[in-house]
PDB file of N, CA and C in Angstrom:
ATOM      1  N   MET A   1      15.409  11.049 -18.043  1.00  0.00           N
ATOM      2  CA  MET A   1      15.231  10.416 -16.738  1.00  0.00           C
ATOM      3  C   MET A   1      16.086   9.157 -16.772  1.00  0.00           C
ATOM      4  N   GLY A   2      17.021   9.015 -15.796  1.00  0.00           N
ATOM      5  CA  GLY A   2      17.893   7.871 -15.775  1.00  0.00           C
ATOM      6  C   GLY A   2      17.348   6.687 -14.952  1.00  0.00           C
ATOM      7  N   THR A   3      18.031   5.654 -15.012  1.00  0.00           N
ATOM      8  CA  THR A   3      17.650   4.448 -14.283  1.00  0.00           C
ATOM      9  C   THR A   3      17.543   4.676 -12.809  1.00  0.00           C
ATOM     10  N   GLU A   4      18.451   5.362 -12.211  1.00  0.00           N
ATOM     11  CA  GLU A   4      18.422   5.629 -10.754  1.00  0.00           C
ATOM     12  C   GLU A   4      17.203   6.409 -10.363  1.00  0.00           C
ATOM     13  N   GLU A   5      16.881   7.413 -11.122  1.00  0.00           N
ATOM     14  CA  GLU A   5      15.693   8.225 -10.876  1.00  0.00           C
ATOM     15  C   GLU A   5      14.398   7.371 -11.020  1.00  0.00           C
ATOM     16  N   ASN A   6      14.401   6.525 -12.078  1.00  0.00           N
ATOM     17  CA  ASN A   6      13.256   5.651 -12.254  1.00  0.00           C
ATOM     18  C   ASN A   6      13.023   4.741 -11.097  1.00  0.00           C
ATOM     19  N   LEU A   7      14.180   4.184 -10.560  1.00  0.00           N
ATOM     20  CA  LEU A   7      14.073   3.262  -9.442  1.00  0.00           C
ATOM     21  C   LEU A   7      13.647   4.032  -8.125  1.00  0.00           C
ATOM     22  N   ARG A   8      14.128   5.182  -7.927  1.00  0.00           N
ATOM     23  CA  ARG A   8      13.670   6.042  -6.819  1.00  0.00           C
ATOM     24  C   ARG A   8      12.111   6.325  -6.884  1.00  0.00           C
ATOM     25  N   ASN A   9      11.680   6.679  -8.054  1.00  0.00           N
ATOM     26  CA  ASN A   9      10.315   6.970  -8.229  1.00  0.00           C
ATOM     27  C   ASN A   9       9.438   5.744  -7.998  1.00  0.00           C
ATOM     28  N   ALA A  10       9.905   4.596  -8.555  1.00  0.00           N
ATOM     29  CA  ALA A  10       9.157   3.346  -8.376  1.00  0.00           C
ATOM     30  C   ALA A  10       9.082   2.973  -6.913  1.00  0.00           C
ATOM     31  N   TYR A  11      10.171   3.069  -6.249  1.00  0.00           N
ATOM     32  CA  TYR A  11      10.245   2.733  -4.796  1.00  0.00           C
ATOM     33  C   TYR A  11       9.295   3.614  -3.996  1.00  0.00           C
ATOM     34  N   ALA A  12       9.332   4.908  -4.277  1.00  0.00           N
ATOM     35  CA  ALA A  12       8.469   5.861  -3.525  1.00  0.00           C
ATOM     36  C   ALA A  12       7.015   5.539  -3.794  1.00  0.00           C
ATOM     37  N   GLY A  13       6.681   5.222  -4.983  1.00  0.00           N
ATOM     38  CA  GLY A  13       5.248   4.892  -5.326  1.00  0.00           C
ATOM     39  C   GLY A  13       4.843   3.611  -4.618  1.00  0.00           C
ATOM     40  N   GLU A  14       5.652   2.607  -4.633  1.00  0.00           N
ATOM     41  CA  GLU A  14       5.303   1.311  -3.991  1.00  0.00           C
ATOM     42  C   GLU A  14       5.203   1.500  -2.473  1.00  0.00           C
ATOM     43  N   SER A  15       6.073   2.340  -1.919  1.00  0.00           N
ATOM     44  CA  SER A  15       6.020   2.639  -0.473  1.00  0.00           C
ATOM     45  C   SER A  15       4.702   3.252  -0.084  1.00  0.00           C
ATOM     46  N   GLN A  16       4.273   4.241  -0.866  1.00  0.00           N
ATOM     47  CA  GLN A  16       3.056   4.927  -0.632  1.00  0.00           C
ATOM     48  C   GLN A  16       1.866   3.965  -0.760  1.00  0.00           C
ATOM     49  N   ALA A  17       1.883   3.059  -1.727  1.00  0.00           N
ATOM     50  CA  ALA A  17       0.836   2.115  -1.968  1.00  0.00           C
ATOM     51  C   ALA A  17       0.741   1.171  -0.735  1.00  0.00           C
ATOM     52  N   MET A  18       1.883   0.716  -0.243  1.00  0.00           N
ATOM     53  CA  MET A  18       1.879  -0.174   0.860  1.00  0.00           C
ATOM     54  C   MET A  18       1.226   0.495   2.081  1.00  0.00           C
ATOM     55  N   VAL A  19       1.541   1.717   2.346  1.00  0.00           N
ATOM     56  CA  VAL A  19       0.913   2.440   3.489  1.00  0.00           C
ATOM     57  C   VAL A  19      -0.582   2.564   3.296  1.00  0.00           C
ATOM     58  N   ARG A  20      -0.994   2.876   2.074  1.00  0.00           N
ATOM     59  CA  ARG A  20      -2.483   2.982   1.826  1.00  0.00           C
ATOM     60  C   ARG A  20      -3.164   1.644   2.079  1.00  0.00           C
ATOM     61  N   TYR A  21      -2.542   0.540   1.589  1.00  0.00           N
ATOM     62  CA  TYR A  21      -3.192  -0.760   1.766  1.00  0.00           C
ATOM     63  C   TYR A  21      -3.269  -1.148   3.270  1.00  0.00           C
ATOM     64  N   LYS A  22      -2.257  -0.761   4.058  1.00  0.00           N
ATOM     65  CA  LYS A  22      -2.301  -1.025   5.473  1.00  0.00           C
ATOM     66  C   LYS A  22      -3.464  -0.238   6.120  1.00  0.00           C
ATOM     67  N   ILE A  23      -3.634   0.986   5.698  1.00  0.00           N
ATOM     68  CA  ILE A  23      -4.782   1.801   6.215  1.00  0.00           C
ATOM     69  C   ILE A  23      -6.098   1.208   5.822  1.00  0.00           C
ATOM     70  N   PHE A  24      -6.243   0.798   4.598  1.00  0.00           N
ATOM     71  CA  PHE A  24      -7.449   0.160   4.128  1.00  0.00           C
ATOM     72  C   PHE A  24      -7.795  -1.069   4.929  1.00  0.00           C
ATOM     73  N   ALA A  25      -6.735  -1.910   5.166  1.00  0.00           N
ATOM     74  CA  ALA A  25      -6.945  -3.118   5.896  1.00  0.00           C
ATOM     75  C   ALA A  25      -7.397  -2.854   7.316  1.00  0.00           C
ATOM     76  N   GLU A  26      -6.817  -1.853   7.967  1.00  0.00           N
ATOM     77  CA  GLU A  26      -7.210  -1.460   9.299  1.00  0.00           C
ATOM     78  C   GLU A  26      -8.681  -0.990   9.366  1.00  0.00           C
ATOM     79  N   ILE A  27      -9.054  -0.253   8.401  1.00  0.00           N
ATOM     80  CA  ILE A  27     -10.464   0.218   8.300  1.00  0.00           C
ATOM     81  C   ILE A  27     -11.372  -0.995   8.161  1.00  0.00           C
ATOM     82  N   ALA A  28     -11.015  -1.943   7.269  1.00  0.00           N
ATOM     83  CA  ALA A  28     -11.853  -3.119   7.084  1.00  0.00           C
ATOM     84  C   ALA A  28     -11.933  -3.888   8.407  1.00  0.00           C
ATOM     85  N   ARG A  29     -10.829  -4.055   9.091  1.00  0.00           N
ATOM     86  CA  ARG A  29     -10.874  -4.766  10.380  1.00  0.00           C
ATOM     87  C   ARG A  29     -11.791  -4.132  11.375  1.00  0.00           C
ATOM     88  N   ARG A  30     -11.722  -2.860  11.455  1.00  0.00           N
ATOM     89  CA  ARG A  30     -12.569  -2.127  12.383  1.00  0.00           C
ATOM     90  C   ARG A  30     -14.051  -2.308  12.047  1.00  0.00           C
ATOM     91  N   LYS A  31     -14.345  -2.555  10.808  1.00  0.00           N
ATOM     92  CA  LYS A  31     -15.739  -2.751  10.383  1.00  0.00           C
ATOM     93  C   LYS A  31     -16.134  -4.194  10.456  1.00  0.00           C
ATOM     94  N   GLY A  32     -15.215  -5.069  10.917  1.00  0.00           N
ATOM     95  CA  GLY A  32     -15.502  -6.493  11.047  1.00  0.00           C
ATOM     96  C   GLY A  32     -15.331  -7.213   9.730  1.00  0.00           C
ATOM     97  N   LEU A  33     -14.626  -6.723   8.810  1.00  0.00           N
ATOM     98  CA  LEU A  33     -14.470  -7.359   7.502  1.00  0.00           C
ATOM     99  C   LEU A  33     -13.072  -7.949   7.350  1.00  0.00           C
ATOM    100  N   GLU A  34     -12.831  -8.934   8.174  1.00  0.00           N
ATOM    101  CA  GLU A  34     -11.501  -9.545   8.226  1.00  0.00           C
ATOM    102  C   GLU A  34     -11.044 -10.135   6.881  1.00  0.00           C
ATOM    103  N   GLY A  35     -11.946 -10.734   6.185  1.00  0.00           N
ATOM    104  CA  GLY A  35     -11.624 -11.361   4.877  1.00  0.00           C
ATOM    105  C   GLY A  35     -11.135 -10.298   3.904  1.00  0.00           C
ATOM    106  N   ILE A  36     -11.789  -9.187   3.904  1.00  0.00           N
ATOM    107  CA  ILE A  36     -11.379  -8.106   3.027  1.00  0.00           C
ATOM    108  C   ILE A  36     -10.039  -7.518   3.453  1.00  0.00           C
ATOM    109  N   ALA A  37      -9.889  -7.396   4.825  1.00  0.00           N
ATOM    110  CA  ALA A  37      -8.615  -6.891   5.326  1.00  0.00           C
ATOM    111  C   ALA A  37      -7.428  -7.776   4.928  1.00  0.00           C
ATOM    112  N   ARG A  38      -7.645  -9.069   4.931  1.00  0.00           N
ATOM    113  CA  ARG A  38      -6.547  -9.965   4.490  1.00  0.00           C
ATOM    114  C   ARG A  38      -6.226  -9.766   2.994  1.00  0.00           C
ATOM    115  N   GLY A  39      -7.162  -9.305   2.237  1.00  0.00           N
ATOM    116  CA  GLY A  39      -6.912  -9.035   0.805  1.00  0.00           C
ATOM    117  C   GLY A  39      -5.966  -7.913   0.584  1.00  0.00           C
ATOM    118  N   PHE A  40      -5.832  -7.039   1.570  1.00  0.00           N
ATOM    119  CA  PHE A  40      -4.920  -5.885   1.475  1.00  0.00           C
ATOM    120  C   PHE A  40      -3.594  -6.328   2.076  1.00  0.00           C
TER     121      PHE A  40
END
């Protein structure tokens, strides 16, 4: 596995994590948990 492939995999993983965190934050906001939402 080369450097370029490692970078692509890392970028894809971080992008997926960012989307998950945005979803978690939105769920927390809907439940009135703004402090928790800001943690995401």
